Amino acid sequence: MNNLIFWLYIANIVDSVKNSIGWTIFFFILVFIILGMLCLLTELDERMKKIFNTYMKISIIPFILCILLNIFCPTSKFLYMVIGLKTAEIGIENMQGLEEFNKARNLLNLKLDELLEENKQKN
């Protein structure tokens, strides 16, 4: 049951993680635009150009990582479906854990009902 609780916790926080990654991407784009405009509008000496180029090269790495994480990080809805399928598989394989299976199923049903209500309110 502790493993199931861990995955439910991960499913709850995955959307906030994706949102923070999205804000990080936005911040990097904003910094690139501001620094690019500063370079175009002002003439920089060689030392400042080297600093700017170094910063741009270093900041590309976390920018690309944030984009990849944002693309490949699953949504909470997907994680709830996977947890439900895994719980059903465990319940079918081990009918002795029927009480644990029922608790997990009830918890997942409540969470899926909440997600359905959210979708109805959005539409």
PDB file of N, CA and C in Angstrom:
ATOM      1  N   MET A   1       0.821  -1.195   0.000  1.00  0.00           N
ATOM      2  CA  MET A   1       0.000   0.000   0.000  1.00  0.00           C
ATOM      3  C   MET A   1       0.863   1.258   0.000  1.00  0.00           C
ATOM      4  N   ASN A   2       2.047   1.208   0.617  1.00  0.00           N
ATOM      5  CA  ASN A   2       2.915   2.380   0.644  1.00  0.00           C
ATOM      6  C   ASN A   2       3.371   2.770  -0.752  1.00  0.00           C
ATOM      7  N   ASN A   3       3.614   1.789  -1.607  1.00  0.00           N
ATOM      8  CA  ASN A   3       4.000   2.070  -2.975  1.00  0.00           C
ATOM      9  C   ASN A   3       2.877   2.797  -3.707  1.00  0.00           C
ATOM     10  N   LEU A   4       1.650   2.396  -3.481  1.00  0.00           N
ATOM     11  CA  LEU A   4       0.504   3.042  -4.103  1.00  0.00           C
ATOM     12  C   LEU A   4       0.375   4.487  -3.626  1.00  0.00           C
ATOM     13  N   ILE A   5       0.588   4.721  -2.343  1.00  0.00           N
ATOM     14  CA  ILE A   5       0.514   6.082  -1.805  1.00  0.00           C
ATOM     15  C   ILE A   5       1.586   6.967  -2.432  1.00  0.00           C
ATOM     16  N   PHE A   6       2.774   6.422  -2.618  1.00  0.00           N
ATOM     17  CA  PHE A   6       3.847   7.178  -3.263  1.00  0.00           C
ATOM     18  C   PHE A   6       3.445   7.603  -4.666  1.00  0.00           C
ATOM     19  N   TRP A   7       2.886   6.693  -5.447  1.00  0.00           N
ATOM     20  CA  TRP A   7       2.500   7.030  -6.820  1.00  0.00           C
ATOM     21  C   TRP A   7       1.317   7.990  -6.862  1.00  0.00           C
ATOM     22  N   LEU A   8       0.410   7.896  -5.899  1.00  0.00           N
ATOM     23  CA  LEU A   8      -0.682   8.875  -5.835  1.00  0.00           C
ATOM     24  C   LEU A   8      -0.128  10.265  -5.515  1.00  0.00           C
ATOM     25  N   TYR A   9       0.862  10.316  -4.644  1.00  0.00           N
ATOM     26  CA  TYR A   9       1.507  11.595  -4.328  1.00  0.00           C
ATOM     27  C   TYR A   9       2.178  12.170  -5.577  1.00  0.00           C
ATOM     28  N   ILE A  10       2.904  11.340  -6.299  1.00  0.00           N
ATOM     29  CA  ILE A  10       3.568  11.795  -7.530  1.00  0.00           C
ATOM     30  C   ILE A  10       2.528  12.300  -8.526  1.00  0.00           C
ATOM     31  N   ALA A  11       1.411  11.593  -8.643  1.00  0.00           N
ATOM     32  CA  ALA A  11       0.361  12.021  -9.567  1.00  0.00           C
ATOM     33  C   ALA A  11      -0.214  13.374  -9.169  1.00  0.00           C
ATOM     34  N   ASN A  12      -0.286  13.647  -7.880  1.00  0.00           N
ATOM     35  CA  ASN A  12      -0.816  14.931  -7.427  1.00  0.00           C
ATOM     36  C   ASN A  12       0.125  16.091  -7.699  1.00  0.00           C
ATOM     37  N   ILE A  13       1.433  15.866  -7.640  1.00  0.00           N
ATOM     38  CA  ILE A  13       2.367  16.981  -7.809  1.00  0.00           C
ATOM     39  C   ILE A  13       2.865  17.150  -9.241  1.00  0.00           C
ATOM     40  N   VAL A  14       2.587  16.221 -10.125  1.00  0.00           N
ATOM     41  CA  VAL A  14       3.164  16.283 -11.465  1.00  0.00           C
ATOM     42  C   VAL A  14       2.683  17.520 -12.231  1.00  0.00           C
ATOM     43  N   ASP A  15       1.455  17.955 -12.046  1.00  0.00           N
ATOM     44  CA  ASP A  15       0.977  19.131 -12.763  1.00  0.00           C
ATOM     45  C   ASP A  15       1.663  20.406 -12.290  1.00  0.00           C
ATOM     46  N   SER A  16       1.914  20.509 -10.988  1.00  0.00           N
ATOM     47  CA  SER A  16       2.613  21.700 -10.494  1.00  0.00           C
ATOM     48  C   SER A  16       4.062  21.718 -10.975  1.00  0.00           C
ATOM     49  N   VAL A  17       4.667  20.545 -11.091  1.00  0.00           N
ATOM     50  CA  VAL A  17       6.030  20.472 -11.626  1.00  0.00           C
ATOM     51  C   VAL A  17       6.042  20.928 -13.078  1.00  0.00           C
ATOM     52  N   LYS A  18       5.063  20.476 -13.866  1.00  0.00           N
ATOM     53  CA  LYS A  18       4.984  20.895 -15.265  1.00  0.00           C
ATOM     54  C   LYS A  18       4.763  22.401 -15.367  1.00  0.00           C
ATOM     55  N   ASN A  19       3.960  22.962 -14.472  1.00  0.00           N
ATOM     56  CA  ASN A  19       3.733  24.411 -14.499  1.00  0.00           C
ATOM     57  C   ASN A  19       5.001  25.179 -14.171  1.00  0.00           C
ATOM     58  N   SER A  20       5.757  24.720 -13.197  1.00  0.00           N
ATOM     59  CA  SER A  20       6.997  25.416 -12.849  1.00  0.00           C
ATOM     60  C   SER A  20       8.022  25.292 -13.973  1.00  0.00           C
ATOM     61  N   ILE A  21       8.046  24.165 -14.652  1.00  0.00           N
ATOM     62  CA  ILE A  21       8.936  24.015 -15.805  1.00  0.00           C
ATOM     63  C   ILE A  21       8.517  24.977 -16.914  1.00  0.00           C
ATOM     64  N   GLY A  22       7.217  25.112 -17.108  1.00  0.00           N
ATOM     65  CA  GLY A  22       6.725  26.050 -18.115  1.00  0.00           C
ATOM     66  C   GLY A  22       7.118  27.488 -17.799  1.00  0.00           C
ATOM     67  N   TRP A  23       7.019  27.875 -16.523  1.00  0.00           N
ATOM     68  CA  TRP A  23       7.433  29.225 -16.139  1.00  0.00           C
ATOM     69  C   TRP A  23       8.939  29.409 -16.312  1.00  0.00           C
ATOM     70  N   THR A  24       9.719  28.364 -16.077  1.00  0.00           N
ATOM     71  CA  THR A  24      11.164  28.456 -16.287  1.00  0.00           C
ATOM     72  C   THR A  24      11.475  28.677 -17.761  1.00  0.00           C
ATOM     73  N   ILE A  25      10.779  27.962 -18.634  1.00  0.00           N
ATOM     74  CA  ILE A  25      10.969  28.157 -20.076  1.00  0.00           C
ATOM     75  C   ILE A  25      10.621  29.588 -20.456  1.00  0.00           C
ATOM     76  N   PHE A  26       9.504  30.091 -19.921  1.00  0.00           N
ATOM     77  CA  PHE A  26       9.098  31.467 -20.198  1.00  0.00           C
ATOM     78  C   PHE A  26      10.166  32.452 -19.743  1.00  0.00           C
ATOM     79  N   PHE A  27      10.735  32.227 -18.561  1.00  0.00           N
ATOM     80  CA  PHE A  27      11.782  33.101 -18.045  1.00  0.00           C
ATOM     81  C   PHE A  27      13.001  33.104 -18.966  1.00  0.00           C
ATOM     82  N   PHE A  28      13.436  31.925 -19.421  1.00  0.00           N
ATOM     83  CA  PHE A  28      14.592  31.853 -20.306  1.00  0.00           C
ATOM     84  C   PHE A  28      14.316  32.570 -21.622  1.00  0.00           C
ATOM     85  N   ILE A  29      13.135  32.411 -22.181  1.00  0.00           N
ATOM     86  CA  ILE A  29      12.803  33.100 -23.421  1.00  0.00           C
ATOM     87  C   ILE A  29      12.820  34.607 -23.212  1.00  0.00           C
ATOM     88  N   LEU A  30      12.270  35.056 -22.089  1.00  0.00           N
ATOM     89  CA  LEU A  30      12.258  36.480 -21.776  1.00  0.00           C
ATOM     90  C   LEU A  30      13.674  37.028 -21.634  1.00  0.00           C
ATOM     91  N   VAL A  31      14.543  36.294 -20.952  1.00  0.00           N
ATOM     92  CA  VAL A  31      15.933  36.734 -20.789  1.00  0.00           C
ATOM     93  C   VAL A  31      16.637  36.774 -22.141  1.00  0.00           C
ATOM     94  N   PHE A  32      16.401  35.775 -23.002  1.00  0.00           N
ATOM     95  CA  PHE A  32      17.007  35.774 -24.329  1.00  0.00           C
ATOM     96  C   PHE A  32      16.557  36.998 -25.129  1.00  0.00           C
ATOM     97  N   ILE A  33      15.277  37.327 -25.058  1.00  0.00           N
ATOM     98  CA  ILE A  33      14.763  38.477 -25.811  1.00  0.00           C
ATOM     99  C   ILE A  33      15.371  39.776 -25.290  1.00  0.00           C
ATOM    100  N   ILE A  34      15.404  39.934 -23.970  1.00  0.00           N
ATOM    101  CA  ILE A  34      15.951  41.167 -23.390  1.00  0.00           C
ATOM    102  C   ILE A  34      17.435  41.313 -23.719  1.00  0.00           C
ATOM    103  N   LEU A  35      18.195  40.237 -23.540  1.00  0.00           N
ATOM    104  CA  LEU A  35      19.633  40.325 -23.836  1.00  0.00           C
ATOM    105  C   LEU A  35      19.894  40.505 -25.324  1.00  0.00           C
ATOM    106  N   GLY A  36      19.083  39.878 -26.145  1.00  0.00           N
ATOM    107  CA  GLY A  36      19.231  40.076 -27.592  1.00  0.00           C
ATOM    108  C   GLY A  36      18.955  41.499 -27.999  1.00  0.00           C
ATOM    109  N   MET A  37      17.918  42.107 -27.408  1.00  0.00           N
ATOM    110  CA  MET A  37      17.608  43.502 -27.707  1.00  0.00           C
ATOM    111  C   MET A  37      18.718  44.426 -27.212  1.00  0.00           C
ATOM    112  N   LEU A  38      19.272  44.133 -26.037  1.00  0.00           N
ATOM    113  CA  LEU A  38      20.374  44.947 -25.520  1.00  0.00           C
ATOM    114  C   LEU A  38      21.578  44.880 -26.451  1.00  0.00           C
ATOM    115  N   CYS A  39      21.846  43.703 -26.984  1.00  0.00           N
ATOM    116  CA  CYS A  39      22.983  43.567 -27.909  1.00  0.00           C
ATOM    117  C   CYS A  39      22.742  44.332 -29.199  1.00  0.00           C
ATOM    118  N   LEU A  40      21.493  44.324 -29.675  1.00  0.00           N
ATOM    119  CA  LEU A  40      21.186  45.036 -30.910  1.00  0.00           C
ATOM    120  C   LEU A  40      21.192  46.550 -30.719  1.00  0.00           C
ATOM    121  N   LEU A  41      20.703  47.013 -29.570  1.00  0.00           N
ATOM    122  CA  LEU A  41      20.556  48.446 -29.350  1.00  0.00           C
ATOM    123  C   LEU A  41      21.831  49.123 -28.856  1.00  0.00           C
ATOM    124  N   THR A  42      22.707  48.370 -28.244  1.00  0.00           N
ATOM    125  CA  THR A  42      23.948  48.968 -27.737  1.00  0.00           C
ATOM    126  C   THR A  42      25.136  48.265 -28.376  1.00  0.00           C
ATOM    127  N   GLU A  43      26.201  49.007 -28.477  1.00  0.00           N
ATOM    128  CA  GLU A  43      27.430  48.406 -28.980  1.00  0.00           C
ATOM    129  C   GLU A  43      28.231  47.924 -27.783  1.00  0.00           C
ATOM    130  N   LEU A  44      28.556  46.649 -27.788  1.00  0.00           N
ATOM    131  CA  LEU A  44      29.271  46.057 -26.665  1.00  0.00           C
ATOM    132  C   LEU A  44      30.750  45.931 -26.998  1.00  0.00           C
ATOM    133  N   ASP A  45      31.581  46.089 -25.991  1.00  0.00           N
ATOM    134  CA  ASP A  45      33.009  45.861 -26.202  1.00  0.00           C
ATOM    135  C   ASP A  45      33.271  44.355 -26.234  1.00  0.00           C
ATOM    136  N   GLU A  46      34.485  43.972 -26.539  1.00  0.00           N
ATOM    137  CA  GLU A  46      34.828  42.552 -26.698  1.00  0.00           C
ATOM    138  C   GLU A  46      34.602  41.750 -25.423  1.00  0.00           C
ATOM    139  N   ARG A  47      34.926  42.329 -24.260  1.00  0.00           N
ATOM    140  CA  ARG A  47      34.755  41.618 -22.995  1.00  0.00           C
ATOM    141  C   ARG A  47      33.281  41.321 -22.737  1.00  0.00           C
ATOM    142  N   MET A  48      32.410  42.281 -22.993  1.00  0.00           N
ATOM    143  CA  MET A  48      30.976  42.078 -22.790  1.00  0.00           C
ATOM    144  C   MET A  48      30.414  41.074 -23.798  1.00  0.00           C
ATOM    145  N   LYS A  49      30.917  41.088 -25.018  1.00  0.00           N
ATOM    146  CA  LYS A  49      30.466  40.113 -26.012  1.00  0.00           C
ATOM    147  C   LYS A  49      30.829  38.693 -25.589  1.00  0.00           C
ATOM    148  N   LYS A  50      32.033  38.517 -25.024  1.00  0.00           N
ATOM    149  CA  LYS A  50      32.436  37.195 -24.553  1.00  0.00           C
ATOM    150  C   LYS A  50      31.559  36.739 -23.391  1.00  0.00           C
ATOM    151  N   ILE A  51      31.283  37.660 -22.466  1.00  0.00           N
ATOM    152  CA  ILE A  51      30.413  37.321 -21.328  1.00  0.00           C
ATOM    153  C   ILE A  51      29.021  36.950 -21.829  1.00  0.00           C
ATOM    154  N   PHE A  52      28.494  37.730 -22.755  1.00  0.00           N
ATOM    155  CA  PHE A  52      27.168  37.459 -23.307  1.00  0.00           C
ATOM    156  C   PHE A  52      27.132  36.111 -24.018  1.00  0.00           C
ATOM    157  N   ASN A  53      28.117  35.832 -24.844  1.00  0.00           N
ATOM    158  CA  ASN A  53      28.169  34.557 -25.565  1.00  0.00           C
ATOM    159  C   ASN A  53      28.299  33.380 -24.604  1.00  0.00           C
ATOM    160  N   THR A  54      29.101  33.532 -23.551  1.00  0.00           N
ATOM    161  CA  THR A  54      29.246  32.472 -22.554  1.00  0.00           C
ATOM    162  C   THR A  54      27.918  32.222 -21.842  1.00  0.00           C
ATOM    163  N   TYR A  55      27.250  33.291 -21.458  1.00  0.00           N
ATOM    164  CA  TYR A  55      25.954  33.149 -20.790  1.00  0.00           C
ATOM    165  C   TYR A  55      24.950  32.441 -21.700  1.00  0.00           C
ATOM    166  N   MET A  56      24.919  32.823 -22.956  1.00  0.00           N
ATOM    167  CA  MET A  56      23.967  32.216 -23.897  1.00  0.00           C
ATOM    168  C   MET A  56      24.263  30.722 -24.070  1.00  0.00           C
ATOM    169  N   LYS A  57      25.527  30.360 -24.175  1.00  0.00           N
ATOM    170  CA  LYS A  57      25.877  28.949 -24.339  1.00  0.00           C
ATOM    171  C   LYS A  57      25.521  28.137 -23.100  1.00  0.00           C
ATOM    172  N   ILE A  58      25.776  28.697 -21.924  1.00  0.00           N
ATOM    173  CA  ILE A  58      25.478  27.979 -20.686  1.00  0.00           C
ATOM    174  C   ILE A  58      23.975  27.866 -20.472  1.00  0.00           C
ATOM    175  N   SER A  59      23.232  28.900 -20.793  1.00  0.00           N
ATOM    176  CA  SER A  59      21.794  28.895 -20.515  1.00  0.00           C
ATOM    177  C   SER A  59      20.998  28.074 -21.525  1.00  0.00           C
ATOM    178  N   ILE A  60      21.593  27.695 -22.627  1.00  0.00           N
ATOM    179  CA  ILE A  60      20.907  26.840 -23.597  1.00  0.00           C
ATOM    180  C   ILE A  60      20.646  25.456 -22.993  1.00  0.00           C
ATOM    181  N   ILE A  61      21.572  24.950 -22.195  1.00  0.00           N
ATOM    182  CA  ILE A  61      21.453  23.599 -21.628  1.00  0.00           C
ATOM    183  C   ILE A  61      20.225  23.467 -20.735  1.00  0.00           C
ATOM    184  N   PRO A  62      20.028  24.328 -19.704  1.00  0.00           N
ATOM    185  CA  PRO A  62      18.811  24.166 -18.903  1.00  0.00           C
ATOM    186  C   PRO A  62      17.540  24.462 -19.690  1.00  0.00           C
ATOM    187  N   PHE A  63      17.621  25.341 -20.671  1.00  0.00           N
ATOM    188  CA  PHE A  63      16.460  25.630 -21.506  1.00  0.00           C
ATOM    189  C   PHE A  63      16.013  24.374 -22.259  1.00  0.00           C
ATOM    190  N   ILE A  64      16.948  23.673 -22.864  1.00  0.00           N
ATOM    191  CA  ILE A  64      16.622  22.444 -23.594  1.00  0.00           C
ATOM    192  C   ILE A  64      16.122  21.366 -22.628  1.00  0.00           C
ATOM    193  N   LEU A  65      16.754  21.252 -21.455  1.00  0.00           N
ATOM    194  CA  LEU A  65      16.296  20.277 -20.463  1.00  0.00           C
ATOM    195  C   LEU A  65      14.863  20.565 -20.014  1.00  0.00           C
ATOM    196  N   CYS A  66      14.539  21.829 -19.799  1.00  0.00           N
ATOM    197  CA  CYS A  66      13.180  22.186 -19.383  1.00  0.00           C
ATOM    198  C   CYS A  66      12.165  21.837 -20.470  1.00  0.00           C
ATOM    199  N   ILE A  67      12.503  22.090 -21.712  1.00  0.00           N
ATOM    200  CA  ILE A  67      11.590  21.748 -22.803  1.00  0.00           C
ATOM    201  C   ILE A  67      11.392  20.240 -22.881  1.00  0.00           C
ATOM    202  N   LEU A  68      12.466  19.470 -22.776  1.00  0.00           N
ATOM    203  CA  LEU A  68      12.343  18.009 -22.821  1.00  0.00           C
ATOM    204  C   LEU A  68      11.533  17.475 -21.653  1.00  0.00           C
ATOM    205  N   LEU A  69      11.760  18.000 -20.444  1.00  0.00           N
ATOM    206  CA  LEU A  69      10.972  17.575 -19.294  1.00  0.00           C
ATOM    207  C   LEU A  69       9.499  17.929 -19.465  1.00  0.00           C
ATOM    208  N   ASN A  70       9.231  19.081 -20.008  1.00  0.00           N
ATOM    209  CA  ASN A  70       7.849  19.495 -20.221  1.00  0.00           C
ATOM    210  C   ASN A  70       7.156  18.600 -21.241  1.00  0.00           C
ATOM    211  N   ILE A  71       7.888  18.145 -22.232  1.00  0.00           N
ATOM    212  CA  ILE A  71       7.300  17.274 -23.257  1.00  0.00           C
ATOM    213  C   ILE A  71       7.078  15.865 -22.718  1.00  0.00           C
ATOM    214  N   PHE A  72       8.076  15.313 -22.020  1.00  0.00           N
ATOM    215  CA  PHE A  72       8.019  13.908 -21.628  1.00  0.00           C
ATOM    216  C   PHE A  72       7.450  13.654 -20.230  1.00  0.00           C
ATOM    217  N   CYS A  73       7.154  14.676 -19.471  1.00  0.00           N
ATOM    218  CA  CYS A  73       6.570  14.501 -18.142  1.00  0.00           C
ATOM    219  C   CYS A  73       5.078  14.179 -18.311  1.00  0.00           C
ATOM    220  N   PRO A  74       4.613  13.056 -17.784  1.00  0.00           N
ATOM    221  CA  PRO A  74       3.204  12.679 -17.984  1.00  0.00           C
ATOM    222  C   PRO A  74       2.266  13.570 -17.174  1.00  0.00           C
ATOM    223  N   THR A  75       1.014  13.622 -17.597  1.00  0.00           N
ATOM    224  CA  THR A  75       0.027  14.400 -16.857  1.00  0.00           C
ATOM    225  C   THR A  75      -0.489  13.577 -15.684  1.00  0.00           C
ATOM    226  N   SER A  76      -1.139  14.264 -14.755  1.00  0.00           N
ATOM    227  CA  SER A  76      -1.676  13.558 -13.588  1.00  0.00           C
ATOM    228  C   SER A  76      -2.797  12.605 -14.002  1.00  0.00           C
ATOM    229  N   LYS A  77      -3.553  12.962 -15.023  1.00  0.00           N
ATOM    230  CA  LYS A  77      -4.634  12.083 -15.488  1.00  0.00           C
ATOM    231  C   LYS A  77      -4.067  10.748 -15.976  1.00  0.00           C
ATOM    232  N   PHE A  78      -2.973  10.821 -16.724  1.00  0.00           N
ATOM    233  CA  PHE A  78      -2.331   9.600 -17.204  1.00  0.00           C
ATOM    234  C   PHE A  78      -1.835   8.756 -16.038  1.00  0.00           C
ATOM    235  N   LEU A  79      -1.212   9.404 -15.044  1.00  0.00           N
ATOM    236  CA  LEU A  79      -0.699   8.658 -13.892  1.00  0.00           C
ATOM    237  C   LEU A  79      -1.833   7.996 -13.113  1.00  0.00           C
ATOM    238  N   TYR A  80      -2.974   8.675 -12.976  1.00  0.00           N
ATOM    239  CA  TYR A  80      -4.109   8.053 -12.287  1.00  0.00           C
ATOM    240  C   TYR A  80      -4.612   6.823 -13.054  1.00  0.00           C
ATOM    241  N   MET A  81      -4.611   6.906 -14.382  1.00  0.00           N
ATOM    242  CA  MET A  81      -5.026   5.738 -15.166  1.00  0.00           C
ATOM    243  C   MET A  81      -4.051   4.577 -14.965  1.00  0.00           C
ATOM    244  N   VAL A  82      -2.768   4.868 -14.970  1.00  0.00           N
ATOM    245  CA  VAL A  82      -1.758   3.817 -14.783  1.00  0.00           C
ATOM    246  C   VAL A  82      -1.884   3.199 -13.393  1.00  0.00           C
ATOM    247  N   ILE A  83      -2.088   4.040 -12.376  1.00  0.00           N
ATOM    248  CA  ILE A  83      -2.248   3.532 -11.014  1.00  0.00           C
ATOM    249  C   ILE A  83      -3.484   2.637 -10.929  1.00  0.00           C
ATOM    250  N   GLY A  84      -4.557   3.069 -11.578  1.00  0.00           N
ATOM    251  CA  GLY A  84      -5.779   2.258 -11.579  1.00  0.00           C
ATOM    252  C   GLY A  84      -5.560   0.912 -12.253  1.00  0.00           C
ATOM    253  N   LEU A  85      -4.876   0.918 -13.381  1.00  0.00           N
ATOM    254  CA  LEU A  85      -4.605  -0.340 -14.080  1.00  0.00           C
ATOM    255  C   LEU A  85      -3.704  -1.258 -13.255  1.00  0.00           C
ATOM    256  N   LYS A  86      -2.688  -0.682 -12.634  1.00  0.00           N
ATOM    257  CA  LYS A  86      -1.782  -1.492 -11.817  1.00  0.00           C
ATOM    258  C   LYS A  86      -2.512  -2.064 -10.597  1.00  0.00           C
ATOM    259  N   THR A  87      -3.379  -1.254  -9.992  1.00  0.00           N
ATOM    260  CA  THR A  87      -4.147  -1.727  -8.843  1.00  0.00           C
ATOM    261  C   THR A  87      -5.090  -2.848  -9.255  1.00  0.00           C
ATOM    262  N   ALA A  88      -5.711  -2.701 -10.409  1.00  0.00           N
ATOM    263  CA  ALA A  88      -6.602  -3.751 -10.897  1.00  0.00           C
ATOM    264  C   ALA A  88      -5.821  -5.040 -11.172  1.00  0.00           C
ATOM    265  N   GLU A  89      -4.642  -4.893 -11.738  1.00  0.00           N
ATOM    266  CA  GLU A  89      -3.805  -6.068 -12.015  1.00  0.00           C
ATOM    267  C   GLU A  89      -3.430  -6.782 -10.720  1.00  0.00           C
ATOM    268  N   ILE A  90      -3.042  -6.008  -9.723  1.00  0.00           N
ATOM    269  CA  ILE A  90      -2.692  -6.607  -8.426  1.00  0.00           C
ATOM    270  C   ILE A  90      -3.916  -7.278  -7.812  1.00  0.00           C
ATOM    271  N   GLY A  91      -5.052  -6.619  -7.903  1.00  0.00           N
ATOM    272  CA  GLY A  91      -6.276  -7.186  -7.336  1.00  0.00           C
ATOM    273  C   GLY A  91      -6.701  -8.463  -8.015  1.00  0.00           C
ATOM    274  N   ILE A  92      -6.533  -8.543  -9.307  1.00  0.00           N
ATOM    275  CA  ILE A  92      -6.905  -9.748 -10.037  1.00  0.00           C
ATOM    276  C   ILE A  92      -5.934 -10.884  -9.714  1.00  0.00           C
ATOM    277  N   GLU A  93      -4.633 -10.547  -9.646  1.00  0.00           N
ATOM    278  CA  GLU A  93      -3.642 -11.575  -9.348  1.00  0.00           C
ATOM    279  C   GLU A  93      -3.756 -12.094  -7.916  1.00  0.00           C
ATOM    280  N   ASN A  94      -4.112 -11.218  -7.011  1.00  0.00           N
ATOM    281  CA  ASN A  94      -4.105 -11.589  -5.602  1.00  0.00           C
ATOM    282  C   ASN A  94      -5.453 -11.236  -4.986  1.00  0.00           C
ATOM    283  N   MET A  95      -6.392 -12.125  -5.059  1.00  0.00           N
ATOM    284  CA  MET A  95      -7.723 -11.850  -4.529  1.00  0.00           C
ATOM    285  C   MET A  95      -7.732 -11.817  -2.997  1.00  0.00           C
ATOM    286  N   GLN A  96      -6.645 -12.230  -2.350  1.00  0.00           N
ATOM    287  CA  GLN A  96      -6.576 -12.138  -0.896  1.00  0.00           C
ATOM    288  C   GLN A  96      -6.492 -10.683  -0.451  1.00  0.00           C
ATOM    289  N   GLY A  97      -5.948  -9.814  -1.282  1.00  0.00           N
ATOM    290  CA  GLY A  97      -5.837  -8.397  -0.951  1.00  0.00           C
ATOM    291  C   GLY A  97      -7.074  -7.628  -1.354  1.00  0.00           C
ATOM    292  N   LEU A  98      -8.230  -8.238  -1.224  1.00  0.00           N
ATOM    293  CA  LEU A  98      -9.480  -7.634  -1.671  1.00  0.00           C
ATOM    294  C   LEU A  98      -9.789  -6.345  -0.910  1.00  0.00           C
ATOM    295  N   GLU A  99      -9.533  -6.313   0.387  1.00  0.00           N
ATOM    296  CA  GLU A  99      -9.821  -5.103   1.160  1.00  0.00           C
ATOM    297  C   GLU A  99      -8.929  -3.942   0.708  1.00  0.00           C
ATOM    298  N   GLU A 100      -7.655  -4.226   0.512  1.00  0.00           N
ATOM    299  CA  GLU A 100      -6.724  -3.204   0.044  1.00  0.00           C
ATOM    300  C   GLU A 100      -7.104  -2.737  -1.360  1.00  0.00           C
ATOM    301  N   PHE A 101      -7.507  -3.679  -2.183  1.00  0.00           N
ATOM    302  CA  PHE A 101      -7.926  -3.356  -3.534  1.00  0.00           C
ATOM    303  C   PHE A 101      -9.148  -2.451  -3.509  1.00  0.00           C
ATOM    304  N   ASN A 102     -10.102  -2.735  -2.650  1.00  0.00           N
ATOM    305  CA  ASN A 102     -11.313  -1.913  -2.561  1.00  0.00           C
ATOM    306  C   ASN A 102     -10.991  -0.497  -2.083  1.00  0.00           C
ATOM    307  N   LYS A 103     -10.085  -0.364  -1.125  1.00  0.00           N
ATOM    308  CA  LYS A 103      -9.686   0.963  -0.659  1.00  0.00           C
ATOM    309  C   LYS A 103      -9.037   1.764  -1.784  1.00  0.00           C
ATOM    310  N   ALA A 104      -8.133   1.126  -2.491  1.00  0.00           N
ATOM    311  CA  ALA A 104      -7.439   1.811  -3.584  1.00  0.00           C
ATOM    312  C   ALA A 104      -8.414   2.163  -4.701  1.00  0.00           C
ATOM    313  N   ARG A 105      -9.336   1.250  -4.986  1.00  0.00           N
ATOM    314  CA  ARG A 105     -10.320   1.505  -6.035  1.00  0.00           C
ATOM    315  C   ARG A 105     -11.222   2.681  -5.658  1.00  0.00           C
ATOM    316  N   ASN A 106     -11.650   2.738  -4.402  1.00  0.00           N
ATOM    317  CA  ASN A 106     -12.491   3.846  -3.951  1.00  0.00           C
ATOM    318  C   ASN A 106     -11.753   5.176  -4.026  1.00  0.00           C
ATOM    319  N   LEU A 107     -10.485   5.159  -3.638  1.00  0.00           N
ATOM    320  CA  LEU A 107      -9.684   6.366  -3.701  1.00  0.00           C
ATOM    321  C   LEU A 107      -9.515   6.839  -5.141  1.00  0.00           C
ATOM    322  N   LEU A 108      -9.239   5.913  -6.038  1.00  0.00           N
ATOM    323  CA  LEU A 108      -9.094   6.270  -7.449  1.00  0.00           C
ATOM    324  C   LEU A 108     -10.416   6.739  -8.046  1.00  0.00           C
ATOM    325  N   ASN A 109     -11.515   6.120  -7.662  1.00  0.00           N
ATOM    326  CA  ASN A 109     -12.816   6.563  -8.150  1.00  0.00           C
ATOM    327  C   ASN A 109     -13.100   7.996  -7.725  1.00  0.00           C
ATOM    328  N   LEU A 110     -12.787   8.339  -6.481  1.00  0.00           N
ATOM    329  CA  LEU A 110     -12.986   9.706  -6.008  1.00  0.00           C
ATOM    330  C   LEU A 110     -12.144  10.695  -6.813  1.00  0.00           C
ATOM    331  N   LYS A 111     -10.895  10.335  -7.059  1.00  0.00           N
ATOM    332  CA  LYS A 111     -10.009  11.228  -7.795  1.00  0.00           C
ATOM    333  C   LYS A 111     -10.460  11.379  -9.245  1.00  0.00           C
ATOM    334  N   LEU A 112     -10.883  10.274  -9.863  1.00  0.00           N
ATOM    335  CA  LEU A 112     -11.369  10.348 -11.239  1.00  0.00           C
ATOM    336  C   LEU A 112     -12.661  11.143 -11.319  1.00  0.00           C
ATOM    337  N   ASP A 113     -13.529  11.042 -10.305  1.00  0.00           N
ATOM    338  CA  ASP A 113     -14.746  11.850 -10.267  1.00  0.00           C
ATOM    339  C   ASP A 113     -14.411  13.340 -10.188  1.00  0.00           C
ATOM    340  N   GLU A 114     -13.397  13.680  -9.386  1.00  0.00           N
ATOM    341  CA  GLU A 114     -12.963  15.078  -9.300  1.00  0.00           C
ATOM    342  C   GLU A 114     -12.464  15.577 -10.650  1.00  0.00           C
ATOM    343  N   LEU A 115     -11.693  14.743 -11.353  1.00  0.00           N
ATOM    344  CA  LEU A 115     -11.184  15.137 -12.667  1.00  0.00           C
ATOM    345  C   LEU A 115     -12.319  15.315 -13.663  1.00  0.00           C
ATOM    346  N   LEU A 116     -13.325  14.458 -13.598  1.00  0.00           N
ATOM    347  CA  LEU A 116     -14.484  14.611 -14.483  1.00  0.00           C
ATOM    348  C   LEU A 116     -15.217  15.917 -14.196  1.00  0.00           C
ATOM    349  N   GLU A 117     -15.367  16.259 -12.946  1.00  0.00           N
ATOM    350  CA  GLU A 117     -16.029  17.518 -12.579  1.00  0.00           C
ATOM    351  C   GLU A 117     -15.233  18.711 -13.095  1.00  0.00           C
ATOM    352  N   GLU A 118     -13.890  18.644 -12.989  1.00  0.00           N
ATOM    353  CA  GLU A 118     -13.048  19.721 -13.503  1.00  0.00           C
ATOM    354  C   GLU A 118     -13.253  19.880 -15.009  1.00  0.00           C
ATOM    355  N   ASN A 119     -13.283  18.760 -15.730  1.00  0.00           N
ATOM    356  CA  ASN A 119     -13.470  18.833 -17.174  1.00  0.00           C
ATOM    357  C   ASN A 119     -14.838  19.391 -17.532  1.00  0.00           C
ATOM    358  N   LYS A 120     -15.866  19.039 -16.776  1.00  0.00           N
ATOM    359  CA  LYS A 120     -17.204  19.570 -17.034  1.00  0.00           C
ATOM    360  C   LYS A 120     -17.246  21.064 -16.774  1.00  0.00           C
ATOM    361  N   GLN A 121     -16.548  21.537 -15.733  1.00  0.00           N
ATOM    362  CA  GLN A 121     -16.542  22.950 -15.437  1.00  0.00           C
ATOM    363  C   GLN A 121     -15.762  23.734 -16.467  1.00  0.00           C
ATOM    364  N   LYS A 122     -14.707  23.156 -17.021  1.00  0.00           N
ATOM    365  CA  LYS A 122     -13.913  23.826 -18.057  1.00  0.00           C
ATOM    366  C   LYS A 122     -14.703  23.938 -19.344  1.00  0.00           C
ATOM    367  N   ASN A 123     -15.491  22.913 -19.641  1.00  0.00           N
ATOM    368  CA  ASN A 123     -16.259  22.928 -20.900  1.00  0.00           C
ATOM    369  C   ASN A 123     -17.539  23.601 -20.640  1.00  0.00           C
TER     370      ASN A 123
END
